[in-house]
Amino acid sequence: MNEQEVMDSFQKVGMFRSGHFVYTHGRHSDNYLNKDALYTDTVETSKLCRAMAERFAAKGVEVVIGPAIGAAILAQWVAYHLTDITGKDVSAAYADKDGQGGFILKRGYDGLVKGKKTLVVEDLTTTGGSVKKVVEAVRAAGAEVVGVVVLANRGGVTAKDIGNPPVFEALVDVDLESWEEADCELCKKGIPVSTDVGHGREFASRQKKS
């Protein structure tokens, strides 16, 4: 898939939203990529994941892993397509949040990735923080990270930002302007934050208490 085909897929499932949103890491924006809209459409999810798999078909990937929750779905599909493309069994796993802002491999997944060529997948990157923590957790478990692939890089994230994997790929780069909370013009204009997607609900709750 080329970038236009990826964007068409995003549009088809209704991923693009306009309004006032709060991203995972607290930054505000007037645009939002609603990744949850993708996961209800198995055809488009499969199509995008095959495109991700094709980029790493020659890397000898043995395990695909992503941060819970959404990227666990991507890991399953990408592993499925890598198995189909290469004819070799590729396993899928996911990393759990550790409750302290990081990620941890549980459920025996640390043993699964140990000594294996592992591909890390994610849906969106804004700062790259979550992906970096998964890369670190996978390496700590003794895996060889062969690369990272994401559906959309919406924050100009670089390989350096995510732990310097050998390869960092994005199906599409999306330039969505965002601001720190203190600099948000939408807040200054009194435009309400969306509470049905993103982290607007937490923001609104915090505003009521202050």
N, C-alpha and C. Protein backbone atom coordinates (compact mmCIF):
# COMPACT_ATOMS: atom_id res chain seq x y z
N MET A 1 0.84 -1.20 0.00
CA MET A 1 0.00 0.00 0.00
C MET A 1 0.87 1.25 0.00
N ASN A 2 0.52 2.22 -0.84
CA ASN A 2 1.21 3.50 -0.78
C ASN A 2 0.50 4.40 0.24
N GLU A 3 1.07 5.59 0.48
CA GLU A 3 0.54 6.46 1.53
C GLU A 3 -0.90 6.88 1.26
N GLN A 4 -1.23 7.12 -0.01
CA GLN A 4 -2.60 7.54 -0.33
C GLN A 4 -3.58 6.41 -0.04
N GLU A 5 -3.19 5.19 -0.34
CA GLU A 5 -4.07 4.05 -0.07
C GLU A 5 -4.26 3.85 1.43
N VAL A 6 -3.20 4.11 2.20
CA VAL A 6 -3.31 4.03 3.66
C VAL A 6 -4.26 5.09 4.17
N MET A 7 -4.11 6.31 3.67
CA MET A 7 -4.99 7.40 4.09
C MET A 7 -6.44 7.12 3.69
N ASP A 8 -6.63 6.53 2.51
CA ASP A 8 -7.98 6.18 2.07
C ASP A 8 -8.60 5.16 3.03
N SER A 9 -7.78 4.23 3.51
CA SER A 9 -8.25 3.22 4.46
C SER A 9 -8.65 3.88 5.77
N PHE A 10 -7.83 4.82 6.23
CA PHE A 10 -8.15 5.57 7.45
C PHE A 10 -9.47 6.31 7.31
N GLN A 11 -9.65 6.95 6.14
CA GLN A 11 -10.88 7.69 5.89
C GLN A 11 -12.09 6.75 5.84
N LYS A 12 -11.92 5.60 5.25
CA LYS A 12 -13.02 4.65 5.08
C LYS A 12 -13.59 4.21 6.42
N VAL A 13 -12.71 3.99 7.41
CA VAL A 13 -13.19 3.52 8.71
C VAL A 13 -13.54 4.66 9.66
N GLY A 14 -13.33 5.91 9.22
CA GLY A 14 -13.69 7.06 10.03
C GLY A 14 -12.71 7.39 11.13
N MET A 15 -11.42 7.24 10.84
CA MET A 15 -10.41 7.51 11.87
C MET A 15 -10.19 8.99 12.13
N PHE A 16 -10.44 9.85 11.14
CA PHE A 16 -10.16 11.27 11.30
C PHE A 16 -11.30 12.01 12.00
N ARG A 17 -10.95 12.77 13.02
CA ARG A 17 -11.92 13.57 13.77
C ARG A 17 -11.40 15.01 13.89
N SER A 18 -12.31 15.98 13.91
CA SER A 18 -11.96 17.38 14.13
C SER A 18 -12.66 17.87 15.38
N GLY A 19 -11.99 18.75 16.14
CA GLY A 19 -12.57 19.28 17.37
C GLY A 19 -11.48 19.73 18.33
N HIS A 20 -11.59 19.33 19.59
CA HIS A 20 -10.61 19.67 20.63
C HIS A 20 -10.31 18.40 21.40
N PHE A 21 -9.07 17.91 21.26
CA PHE A 21 -8.73 16.59 21.80
C PHE A 21 -7.48 16.64 22.67
N VAL A 22 -7.38 15.67 23.57
CA VAL A 22 -6.20 15.52 24.42
C VAL A 22 -5.55 14.18 24.08
N TYR A 23 -4.28 14.24 23.70
CA TYR A 23 -3.55 13.03 23.35
C TYR A 23 -3.08 12.29 24.61
N THR A 24 -2.55 11.10 24.40
CA THR A 24 -2.10 10.25 25.50
C THR A 24 -1.13 10.97 26.42
N HIS A 25 -0.20 11.71 25.85
CA HIS A 25 0.83 12.34 26.66
C HIS A 25 0.49 13.77 27.07
N GLY A 26 -0.82 14.12 26.96
CA GLY A 26 -1.27 15.39 27.50
C GLY A 26 -1.32 16.55 26.53
N ARG A 27 -0.77 16.40 25.35
CA ARG A 27 -0.81 17.49 24.38
C ARG A 27 -2.21 17.62 23.78
N HIS A 28 -2.56 18.85 23.39
CA HIS A 28 -3.89 19.13 22.83
C HIS A 28 -3.78 19.34 21.32
N SER A 29 -4.87 19.06 20.61
CA SER A 29 -4.89 19.24 19.16
C SER A 29 -6.32 19.47 18.68
N ASP A 30 -6.45 20.02 17.47
CA ASP A 30 -7.78 20.20 16.88
C ASP A 30 -8.10 19.06 15.91
N ASN A 31 -7.19 18.08 15.82
CA ASN A 31 -7.42 16.90 14.99
C ASN A 31 -7.07 15.65 15.77
N TYR A 32 -7.74 14.55 15.43
CA TYR A 32 -7.51 13.32 16.16
C TYR A 32 -7.63 12.12 15.23
N LEU A 33 -6.70 11.19 15.36
CA LEU A 33 -6.78 9.93 14.63
C LEU A 33 -7.36 8.89 15.58
N ASN A 34 -8.59 8.54 15.39
CA ASN A 34 -9.27 7.62 16.29
C ASN A 34 -8.96 6.18 15.88
N LYS A 35 -7.90 5.63 16.44
CA LYS A 35 -7.47 4.28 16.08
C LYS A 35 -8.52 3.23 16.41
N ASP A 36 -9.34 3.49 17.42
CA ASP A 36 -10.36 2.51 17.81
C ASP A 36 -11.38 2.28 16.69
N ALA A 37 -11.54 3.27 15.82
CA ALA A 37 -12.47 3.12 14.70
C ALA A 37 -11.97 2.07 13.71
N LEU A 38 -10.65 1.86 13.67
CA LEU A 38 -10.08 0.88 12.76
C LEU A 38 -10.37 -0.54 13.20
N TYR A 39 -10.24 -0.80 14.49
CA TYR A 39 -10.25 -2.18 14.97
C TYR A 39 -11.59 -2.88 14.84
N THR A 40 -12.65 -2.14 14.60
CA THR A 40 -13.96 -2.77 14.38
C THR A 40 -14.10 -3.27 12.94
N ASP A 41 -13.19 -2.86 12.06
CA ASP A 41 -13.24 -3.25 10.65
C ASP A 41 -12.12 -4.24 10.38
N THR A 42 -12.44 -5.51 10.40
CA THR A 42 -11.40 -6.53 10.25
C THR A 42 -10.77 -6.55 8.86
N VAL A 43 -11.53 -6.19 7.85
CA VAL A 43 -10.98 -6.19 6.49
C VAL A 43 -9.90 -5.13 6.35
N GLU A 44 -10.19 -3.91 6.79
CA GLU A 44 -9.21 -2.83 6.67
C GLU A 44 -8.03 -3.06 7.62
N THR A 45 -8.30 -3.59 8.81
CA THR A 45 -7.22 -3.89 9.75
C THR A 45 -6.27 -4.91 9.14
N SER A 46 -6.82 -5.96 8.57
CA SER A 46 -6.01 -6.99 7.92
C SER A 46 -5.19 -6.42 6.77
N LYS A 47 -5.81 -5.58 5.97
CA LYS A 47 -5.14 -4.99 4.81
C LYS A 47 -3.93 -4.15 5.25
N LEU A 48 -4.13 -3.32 6.26
CA LEU A 48 -3.05 -2.47 6.75
C LEU A 48 -1.93 -3.30 7.39
N CYS A 49 -2.33 -4.34 8.11
CA CYS A 49 -1.33 -5.18 8.77
C CYS A 49 -0.52 -5.99 7.76
N ARG A 50 -1.13 -6.35 6.66
CA ARG A 50 -0.37 -7.03 5.62
C ARG A 50 0.69 -6.09 5.04
N ALA A 51 0.32 -4.83 4.89
CA ALA A 51 1.29 -3.84 4.39
C ALA A 51 2.46 -3.70 5.37
N MET A 52 2.17 -3.76 6.67
CA MET A 52 3.22 -3.71 7.68
C MET A 52 4.11 -4.95 7.58
N ALA A 53 3.47 -6.10 7.42
CA ALA A 53 4.21 -7.36 7.33
C ALA A 53 5.12 -7.40 6.11
N GLU A 54 4.64 -6.89 5.00
CA GLU A 54 5.42 -6.93 3.76
C GLU A 54 6.74 -6.17 3.89
N ARG A 55 6.75 -5.14 4.72
CA ARG A 55 7.97 -4.35 4.88
C ARG A 55 9.06 -5.10 5.66
N PHE A 56 8.66 -6.15 6.37
CA PHE A 56 9.63 -6.89 7.18
C PHE A 56 9.69 -8.38 6.81
N ALA A 57 9.19 -8.70 5.63
CA ALA A 57 9.14 -10.10 5.20
C ALA A 57 10.52 -10.73 5.06
N ALA A 58 11.54 -9.91 4.79
CA ALA A 58 12.89 -10.43 4.58
C ALA A 58 13.77 -10.33 5.82
N LYS A 59 13.19 -9.98 6.96
CA LYS A 59 13.99 -9.74 8.17
C LYS A 59 14.05 -10.96 9.10
N GLY A 60 13.43 -12.06 8.73
CA GLY A 60 13.47 -13.25 9.57
C GLY A 60 12.75 -13.11 10.89
N VAL A 61 11.67 -12.33 10.90
CA VAL A 61 10.91 -12.10 12.13
C VAL A 61 10.33 -13.41 12.66
N GLU A 62 10.51 -13.63 13.97
CA GLU A 62 9.99 -14.83 14.62
C GLU A 62 8.85 -14.53 15.58
N VAL A 63 8.83 -13.30 16.12
CA VAL A 63 7.77 -12.89 17.03
C VAL A 63 7.39 -11.44 16.72
N VAL A 64 6.10 -11.15 16.77
CA VAL A 64 5.60 -9.78 16.64
C VAL A 64 4.95 -9.41 17.96
N ILE A 65 5.28 -8.23 18.47
CA ILE A 65 4.74 -7.82 19.77
C ILE A 65 4.40 -6.33 19.75
N GLY A 66 3.34 -5.97 20.47
CA GLY A 66 2.95 -4.57 20.55
C GLY A 66 2.42 -4.26 21.94
N PRO A 67 2.36 -2.99 22.29
CA PRO A 67 1.81 -2.61 23.60
C PRO A 67 0.31 -2.80 23.65
N ALA A 68 -0.19 -3.32 24.78
CA ALA A 68 -1.63 -3.45 24.96
C ALA A 68 -2.26 -2.05 25.03
N ILE A 69 -3.44 -1.79 24.45
CA ILE A 69 -4.37 -2.83 24.06
C ILE A 69 -4.42 -2.97 22.53
N GLY A 70 -4.55 -1.85 21.86
CA GLY A 70 -4.78 -1.88 20.42
C GLY A 70 -3.72 -2.60 19.63
N ALA A 71 -2.46 -2.38 19.96
CA ALA A 71 -1.38 -2.98 19.18
C ALA A 71 -1.29 -4.48 19.36
N ALA A 72 -1.98 -5.02 20.38
CA ALA A 72 -2.05 -6.47 20.51
C ALA A 72 -2.81 -7.05 19.33
N ILE A 73 -3.82 -6.32 18.85
CA ILE A 73 -4.57 -6.75 17.67
C ILE A 73 -3.68 -6.69 16.44
N LEU A 74 -2.93 -5.61 16.31
CA LEU A 74 -2.00 -5.48 15.18
C LEU A 74 -0.98 -6.60 15.18
N ALA A 75 -0.45 -6.93 16.35
CA ALA A 75 0.56 -7.98 16.44
C ALA A 75 0.02 -9.30 15.90
N GLN A 76 -1.23 -9.62 16.25
CA GLN A 76 -1.84 -10.85 15.76
C GLN A 76 -1.92 -10.87 14.24
N TRP A 77 -2.43 -9.79 13.67
CA TRP A 77 -2.60 -9.73 12.22
C TRP A 77 -1.26 -9.70 11.48
N VAL A 78 -0.32 -8.93 11.98
CA VAL A 78 0.99 -8.85 11.31
C VAL A 78 1.69 -10.21 11.36
N ALA A 79 1.62 -10.89 12.50
CA ALA A 79 2.21 -12.23 12.62
C ALA A 79 1.53 -13.20 11.65
N TYR A 80 0.21 -13.10 11.55
CA TYR A 80 -0.55 -13.95 10.63
C TYR A 80 -0.07 -13.75 9.19
N HIS A 81 0.06 -12.50 8.78
CA HIS A 81 0.47 -12.22 7.40
C HIS A 81 1.93 -12.57 7.15
N LEU A 82 2.80 -12.38 8.14
CA LEU A 82 4.20 -12.79 7.97
C LEU A 82 4.29 -14.30 7.80
N THR A 83 3.48 -15.03 8.56
CA THR A 83 3.44 -16.49 8.41
C THR A 83 2.99 -16.87 7.01
N ASP A 84 1.98 -16.17 6.52
CA ASP A 84 1.44 -16.45 5.18
C ASP A 84 2.45 -16.11 4.10
N ILE A 85 3.14 -14.97 4.24
CA ILE A 85 4.08 -14.51 3.23
C ILE A 85 5.35 -15.35 3.20
N THR A 86 5.89 -15.67 4.38
CA THR A 86 7.18 -16.35 4.45
C THR A 86 7.08 -17.87 4.51
N GLY A 87 5.91 -18.37 4.90
CA GLY A 87 5.77 -19.81 5.04
C GLY A 87 6.38 -20.35 6.31
N LYS A 88 6.79 -19.45 7.20
CA LYS A 88 7.38 -19.85 8.49
C LYS A 88 6.48 -19.33 9.62
N ASP A 89 6.32 -20.15 10.65
CA ASP A 89 5.46 -19.76 11.76
C ASP A 89 6.02 -18.54 12.49
N VAL A 90 5.20 -17.52 12.63
CA VAL A 90 5.56 -16.31 13.37
C VAL A 90 4.56 -16.15 14.50
N SER A 91 5.06 -16.00 15.71
CA SER A 91 4.21 -15.88 16.90
C SER A 91 3.83 -14.43 17.16
N ALA A 92 2.77 -14.24 17.94
CA ALA A 92 2.32 -12.90 18.33
C ALA A 92 2.20 -12.82 19.84
N ALA A 93 2.50 -11.64 20.39
CA ALA A 93 2.41 -11.42 21.83
C ALA A 93 2.12 -9.95 22.08
N TYR A 94 1.96 -9.59 23.35
CA TYR A 94 1.78 -8.18 23.67
C TYR A 94 2.39 -7.86 25.02
N ALA A 95 2.70 -6.59 25.20
CA ALA A 95 3.28 -6.12 26.46
C ALA A 95 2.21 -5.44 27.29
N ASP A 96 2.17 -5.77 28.59
CA ASP A 96 1.21 -5.17 29.51
C ASP A 96 1.79 -3.92 30.15
N LYS A 97 0.92 -2.99 30.52
CA LYS A 97 1.36 -1.85 31.32
C LYS A 97 1.75 -2.35 32.70
N ASP A 98 2.83 -1.81 33.25
CA ASP A 98 3.31 -2.30 34.55
C ASP A 98 2.75 -1.52 35.74
N GLY A 99 1.88 -0.53 35.46
CA GLY A 99 1.28 0.26 36.53
C GLY A 99 2.15 1.39 37.03
N GLN A 100 3.35 1.52 36.46
CA GLN A 100 4.27 2.57 36.87
C GLN A 100 4.73 3.40 35.67
N GLY A 101 3.95 3.35 34.62
CA GLY A 101 4.28 4.14 33.43
C GLY A 101 5.10 3.41 32.40
N GLY A 102 5.42 2.15 32.66
CA GLY A 102 6.21 1.38 31.72
C GLY A 102 5.46 0.18 31.20
N PHE A 103 6.19 -0.75 30.57
CA PHE A 103 5.59 -1.98 30.06
C PHE A 103 6.40 -3.18 30.53
N ILE A 104 5.72 -4.31 30.63
CA ILE A 104 6.34 -5.53 31.11
C ILE A 104 5.81 -6.71 30.30
N LEU A 105 6.66 -7.72 30.11
CA LEU A 105 6.24 -8.92 29.40
C LEU A 105 5.81 -9.95 30.44
N LYS A 106 4.55 -10.31 30.42
CA LYS A 106 3.98 -11.28 31.36
C LYS A 106 3.48 -12.49 30.58
N ARG A 107 2.77 -13.38 31.25
CA ARG A 107 2.08 -14.51 30.63
C ARG A 107 3.03 -15.46 29.90
N GLY A 108 4.32 -15.40 30.25
CA GLY A 108 5.29 -16.25 29.58
C GLY A 108 5.84 -15.66 28.30
N TYR A 109 5.42 -14.43 27.97
CA TYR A 109 5.88 -13.81 26.73
C TYR A 109 7.36 -13.44 26.79
N ASP A 110 7.90 -13.25 27.99
CA ASP A 110 9.33 -12.98 28.10
C ASP A 110 10.13 -14.18 27.60
N GLY A 111 9.66 -15.38 27.92
CA GLY A 111 10.31 -16.58 27.42
C GLY A 111 10.10 -16.78 25.93
N LEU A 112 8.93 -16.35 25.45
CA LEU A 112 8.62 -16.49 24.02
C LEU A 112 9.58 -15.68 23.16
N VAL A 113 9.90 -14.45 23.59
CA VAL A 113 10.73 -13.57 22.75
C VAL A 113 12.23 -13.78 22.98
N LYS A 114 12.61 -14.43 24.06
CA LYS A 114 14.04 -14.58 24.39
C LYS A 114 14.79 -15.25 23.23
N GLY A 115 15.83 -14.56 22.77
CA GLY A 115 16.66 -15.09 21.70
C GLY A 115 16.03 -15.03 20.33
N LYS A 116 14.84 -14.43 20.21
CA LYS A 116 14.12 -14.40 18.93
C LYS A 116 14.22 -13.04 18.24
N LYS A 117 14.17 -13.08 16.92
CA LYS A 117 14.10 -11.84 16.14
C LYS A 117 12.67 -11.31 16.27
N THR A 118 12.56 -10.15 16.87
CA THR A 118 11.25 -9.63 17.27
C THR A 118 10.95 -8.29 16.59
N LEU A 119 9.74 -8.18 16.09
CA LEU A 119 9.25 -6.94 15.47
C LEU A 119 8.26 -6.29 16.42
N VAL A 120 8.47 -5.02 16.72
CA VAL A 120 7.55 -4.27 17.58
C VAL A 120 6.60 -3.47 16.69
N VAL A 121 5.30 -3.57 16.98
CA VAL A 121 4.30 -2.85 16.20
C VAL A 121 3.50 -1.91 17.10
N GLU A 122 2.99 -0.85 16.50
CA GLU A 122 2.17 0.12 17.23
C GLU A 122 1.24 0.79 16.22
N ASP A 123 0.13 1.34 16.72
CA ASP A 123 -0.79 2.01 15.81
C ASP A 123 -0.32 3.44 15.51
N LEU A 124 -0.22 4.27 16.55
CA LEU A 124 0.16 5.66 16.35
C LEU A 124 1.34 6.04 17.24
N THR A 125 2.19 6.91 16.74
CA THR A 125 3.25 7.47 17.57
C THR A 125 3.11 8.99 17.58
N THR A 126 3.12 9.55 18.79
CA THR A 126 3.10 11.00 18.95
C THR A 126 4.43 11.48 19.50
N THR A 127 4.88 10.86 20.59
CA THR A 127 6.21 11.15 21.14
C THR A 127 7.13 9.95 21.03
N GLY A 128 6.55 8.76 20.83
CA GLY A 128 7.34 7.54 20.75
C GLY A 128 7.61 6.91 22.10
N GLY A 129 7.10 7.52 23.16
CA GLY A 129 7.39 7.04 24.51
C GLY A 129 6.95 5.62 24.78
N SER A 130 5.75 5.27 24.38
CA SER A 130 5.24 3.92 24.64
C SER A 130 6.03 2.88 23.86
N VAL A 131 6.30 3.17 22.59
CA VAL A 131 7.06 2.23 21.77
C VAL A 131 8.45 2.01 22.36
N LYS A 132 9.09 3.07 22.78
CA LYS A 132 10.43 2.95 23.35
C LYS A 132 10.42 2.03 24.57
N LYS A 133 9.40 2.16 25.40
CA LYS A 133 9.33 1.33 26.61
C LYS A 133 9.12 -0.14 26.25
N VAL A 134 8.38 -0.40 25.19
CA VAL A 134 8.20 -1.79 24.75
C VAL A 134 9.50 -2.33 24.17
N VAL A 135 10.17 -1.52 23.38
CA VAL A 135 11.47 -1.93 22.83
C VAL A 135 12.43 -2.28 23.96
N GLU A 136 12.45 -1.45 24.99
CA GLU A 136 13.34 -1.70 26.13
C GLU A 136 12.96 -2.99 26.86
N ALA A 137 11.66 -3.22 27.03
CA ALA A 137 11.19 -4.42 27.73
C ALA A 137 11.53 -5.68 26.93
N VAL A 138 11.38 -5.59 25.62
CA VAL A 138 11.68 -6.74 24.76
C VAL A 138 13.17 -7.05 24.78
N ARG A 139 13.98 -6.02 24.71
CA ARG A 139 15.44 -6.23 24.77
C ARG A 139 15.85 -6.78 26.13
N ALA A 140 15.21 -6.30 27.18
CA ALA A 140 15.54 -6.78 28.53
C ALA A 140 15.22 -8.26 28.68
N ALA A 141 14.27 -8.74 27.89
CA ALA A 141 13.89 -10.15 27.93
C ALA A 141 14.82 -11.02 27.07
N GLY A 142 15.79 -10.37 26.42
CA GLY A 142 16.77 -11.12 25.64
C GLY A 142 16.44 -11.30 24.18
N ALA A 143 15.50 -10.51 23.68
CA ALA A 143 15.13 -10.60 22.26
C ALA A 143 15.99 -9.67 21.42
N GLU A 144 16.06 -9.98 20.15
CA GLU A 144 16.71 -9.10 19.18
C GLU A 144 15.62 -8.30 18.47
N VAL A 145 15.58 -7.00 18.70
CA VAL A 145 14.58 -6.16 18.04
C VAL A 145 15.08 -5.87 16.62
N VAL A 146 14.37 -6.41 15.63
CA VAL A 146 14.79 -6.21 14.23
C VAL A 146 14.20 -4.94 13.65
N GLY A 147 13.18 -4.39 14.32
CA GLY A 147 12.59 -3.16 13.82
C GLY A 147 11.31 -2.80 14.53
N VAL A 148 10.81 -1.62 14.19
CA VAL A 148 9.53 -1.12 14.69
C VAL A 148 8.74 -0.62 13.49
N VAL A 149 7.46 -0.97 13.44
CA VAL A 149 6.60 -0.47 12.37
C VAL A 149 5.30 0.03 12.98
N VAL A 150 4.84 1.19 12.53
CA VAL A 150 3.62 1.80 13.04
C VAL A 150 2.69 2.14 11.87
N LEU A 151 1.41 2.22 12.18
CA LEU A 151 0.45 2.62 11.15
C LEU A 151 0.70 4.06 10.74
N ALA A 152 0.78 4.95 11.74
CA ALA A 152 0.93 6.37 11.44
C ALA A 152 1.87 7.04 12.44
N ASN A 153 2.82 7.76 11.92
CA ASN A 153 3.71 8.58 12.74
C ASN A 153 3.16 10.00 12.70
N ARG A 154 2.51 10.40 13.78
CA ARG A 154 1.84 11.71 13.76
C ARG A 154 2.62 12.77 14.52
N GLY A 155 3.83 12.43 15.00
CA GLY A 155 4.58 13.40 15.77
C GLY A 155 6.00 13.63 15.30
N GLY A 156 6.32 13.20 14.07
CA GLY A 156 7.67 13.35 13.57
C GLY A 156 8.67 12.55 14.39
N VAL A 157 8.22 11.43 14.95
CA VAL A 157 9.07 10.59 15.78
C VAL A 157 10.18 9.96 14.94
N THR A 158 11.38 9.87 15.51
CA THR A 158 12.52 9.28 14.82
C THR A 158 12.94 8.00 15.52
N ALA A 159 13.82 7.24 14.88
CA ALA A 159 14.33 6.00 15.47
C ALA A 159 15.02 6.28 16.81
N LYS A 160 15.68 7.42 16.90
CA LYS A 160 16.37 7.78 18.15
C LYS A 160 15.38 7.93 19.29
N ASP A 161 14.19 8.42 19.00
CA ASP A 161 13.17 8.64 20.03
C ASP A 161 12.64 7.33 20.62
N ILE A 162 12.79 6.24 19.89
CA ILE A 162 12.19 4.98 20.32
C ILE A 162 13.21 3.89 20.61
N GLY A 163 14.44 4.30 20.90
CA GLY A 163 15.45 3.32 21.31
C GLY A 163 16.35 2.82 20.21
N ASN A 164 16.37 3.53 19.08
CA ASN A 164 17.27 3.21 17.96
C ASN A 164 17.15 1.77 17.44
N PRO A 165 15.95 1.34 17.06
CA PRO A 165 15.85 0.03 16.41
C PRO A 165 16.56 0.09 15.05
N PRO A 166 17.01 -1.04 14.51
CA PRO A 166 17.70 -1.03 13.22
C PRO A 166 16.87 -0.43 12.09
N VAL A 167 15.54 -0.65 12.16
CA VAL A 167 14.63 -0.12 11.14
C VAL A 167 13.40 0.45 11.84
N PHE A 168 13.00 1.64 11.41
CA PHE A 168 11.76 2.24 11.90
C PHE A 168 10.93 2.65 10.70
N GLU A 169 9.75 2.03 10.56
CA GLU A 169 8.88 2.28 9.42
C GLU A 169 7.52 2.78 9.88
N ALA A 170 6.92 3.66 9.09
CA ALA A 170 5.53 4.08 9.30
C ALA A 170 4.82 3.96 7.96
N LEU A 171 3.62 3.41 7.98
CA LEU A 171 2.87 3.32 6.72
C LEU A 171 2.58 4.70 6.17
N VAL A 172 2.41 5.67 7.08
CA VAL A 172 2.16 7.04 6.65
C VAL A 172 2.63 8.01 7.74
N ASP A 173 3.13 9.15 7.31
CA ASP A 173 3.48 10.23 8.23
C ASP A 173 2.36 11.26 8.17
N VAL A 174 1.78 11.56 9.33
CA VAL A 174 0.67 12.50 9.39
C VAL A 174 1.08 13.69 10.26
N ASP A 175 0.98 14.87 9.71
CA ASP A 175 1.37 16.07 10.43
C ASP A 175 0.16 16.67 11.13
N LEU A 176 -0.06 16.26 12.37
CA LEU A 176 -1.16 16.80 13.17
C LEU A 176 -0.56 17.73 14.23
N GLU A 177 -0.81 19.02 14.07
CA GLU A 177 -0.26 19.99 15.01
C GLU A 177 -0.85 19.78 16.40
N SER A 178 -0.01 19.89 17.42
CA SER A 178 -0.48 19.75 18.80
C SER A 178 0.28 20.74 19.67
N TRP A 179 -0.31 21.00 20.86
CA TRP A 179 0.27 22.00 21.75
C TRP A 179 0.28 21.49 23.19
N GLU A 180 1.19 22.03 23.96
CA GLU A 180 1.16 21.78 25.40
C GLU A 180 -0.11 22.42 25.95
N GLU A 181 -0.63 21.87 27.02
CA GLU A 181 -1.88 22.35 27.61
C GLU A 181 -1.84 23.86 27.87
N ALA A 182 -0.74 24.35 28.38
CA ALA A 182 -0.64 25.78 28.71
C ALA A 182 -0.66 26.68 27.48
N ASP A 183 -0.34 26.12 26.32
CA ASP A 183 -0.28 26.90 25.09
C ASP A 183 -1.47 26.65 24.17
N CYS A 184 -2.45 25.88 24.63
CA CYS A 184 -3.56 25.49 23.77
C CYS A 184 -4.53 26.65 23.54
N GLU A 185 -4.62 27.11 22.29
CA GLU A 185 -5.53 28.20 21.94
C GLU A 185 -6.99 27.78 22.08
N LEU A 186 -7.27 26.50 21.90
CA LEU A 186 -8.65 26.01 22.02
C LEU A 186 -9.13 26.14 23.46
N CYS A 187 -8.22 25.86 24.40
CA CYS A 187 -8.56 26.03 25.82
C CYS A 187 -8.81 27.50 26.12
N LYS A 188 -7.95 28.37 25.59
CA LYS A 188 -8.06 29.81 25.84
C LYS A 188 -9.37 30.37 25.29
N LYS A 189 -9.88 29.74 24.21
CA LYS A 189 -11.14 30.18 23.61
C LYS A 189 -12.35 29.52 24.27
N GLY A 190 -12.09 28.63 25.23
CA GLY A 190 -13.18 27.97 25.94
C GLY A 190 -13.88 26.88 25.17
N ILE A 191 -13.22 26.35 24.15
CA ILE A 191 -13.81 25.26 23.36
C ILE A 191 -13.71 23.96 24.15
N PRO A 192 -14.82 23.31 24.42
CA PRO A 192 -14.80 22.09 25.24
C PRO A 192 -13.95 20.98 24.64
N VAL A 193 -13.34 20.22 25.51
CA VAL A 193 -12.55 19.06 25.09
C VAL A 193 -13.47 17.88 24.84
N SER A 194 -13.21 17.14 23.78
CA SER A 194 -13.97 15.92 23.51
C SER A 194 -13.66 14.89 24.59
N THR A 195 -14.71 14.30 25.14
CA THR A 195 -14.52 13.31 26.21
C THR A 195 -14.83 11.89 25.75
N ASP A 196 -15.15 11.71 24.46
CA ASP A 196 -15.48 10.36 23.99
C ASP A 196 -14.32 9.65 23.32
N VAL A 197 -13.26 10.39 22.96
CA VAL A 197 -12.05 9.77 22.42
C VAL A 197 -10.84 10.45 23.06
N GLY A 198 -9.71 9.79 23.01
CA GLY A 198 -8.51 10.38 23.61
C GLY A 198 -8.60 10.42 25.13
N HIS A 199 -7.91 11.40 25.71
CA HIS A 199 -7.84 11.50 27.17
C HIS A 199 -8.55 12.76 27.68
N GLY A 200 -9.57 13.17 26.93
CA GLY A 200 -10.32 14.35 27.31
C GLY A 200 -11.11 14.19 28.60
N ARG A 201 -11.57 12.98 28.86
CA ARG A 201 -12.36 12.74 30.07
C ARG A 201 -11.52 12.99 31.32
N GLU A 202 -10.29 12.49 31.31
CA GLU A 202 -9.39 12.71 32.44
C GLU A 202 -9.08 14.19 32.62
N PHE A 203 -8.88 14.87 31.47
CA PHE A 203 -8.60 16.31 31.50
C PHE A 203 -9.78 17.06 32.09
N ALA A 204 -10.99 16.76 31.64
CA ALA A 204 -12.19 17.44 32.11
C ALA A 204 -12.40 17.20 33.60
N SER A 205 -12.14 15.98 34.05
CA SER A 205 -12.29 15.65 35.48
C SER A 205 -11.31 16.44 36.31
N ARG A 206 -10.09 16.57 35.80
CA ARG A 206 -9.05 17.31 36.53
C ARG A 206 -9.40 18.78 36.59
N GLN A 207 -9.99 19.31 35.50
CA GLN A 207 -10.37 20.73 35.47
C GLN A 207 -11.46 21.04 36.48
N LYS A 208 -12.40 20.09 36.66
CA LYS A 208 -13.49 20.30 37.63
C LYS A 208 -12.98 20.36 39.05
N LYS A 209 -11.93 19.60 39.33
CA LYS A 209 -11.38 19.54 40.69
C LYS A 209 -10.53 20.76 41.02
N SER A 210 -10.02 21.41 39.98
CA SER A 210 -9.11 22.54 40.21
C SER A 210 -9.89 23.85 40.41
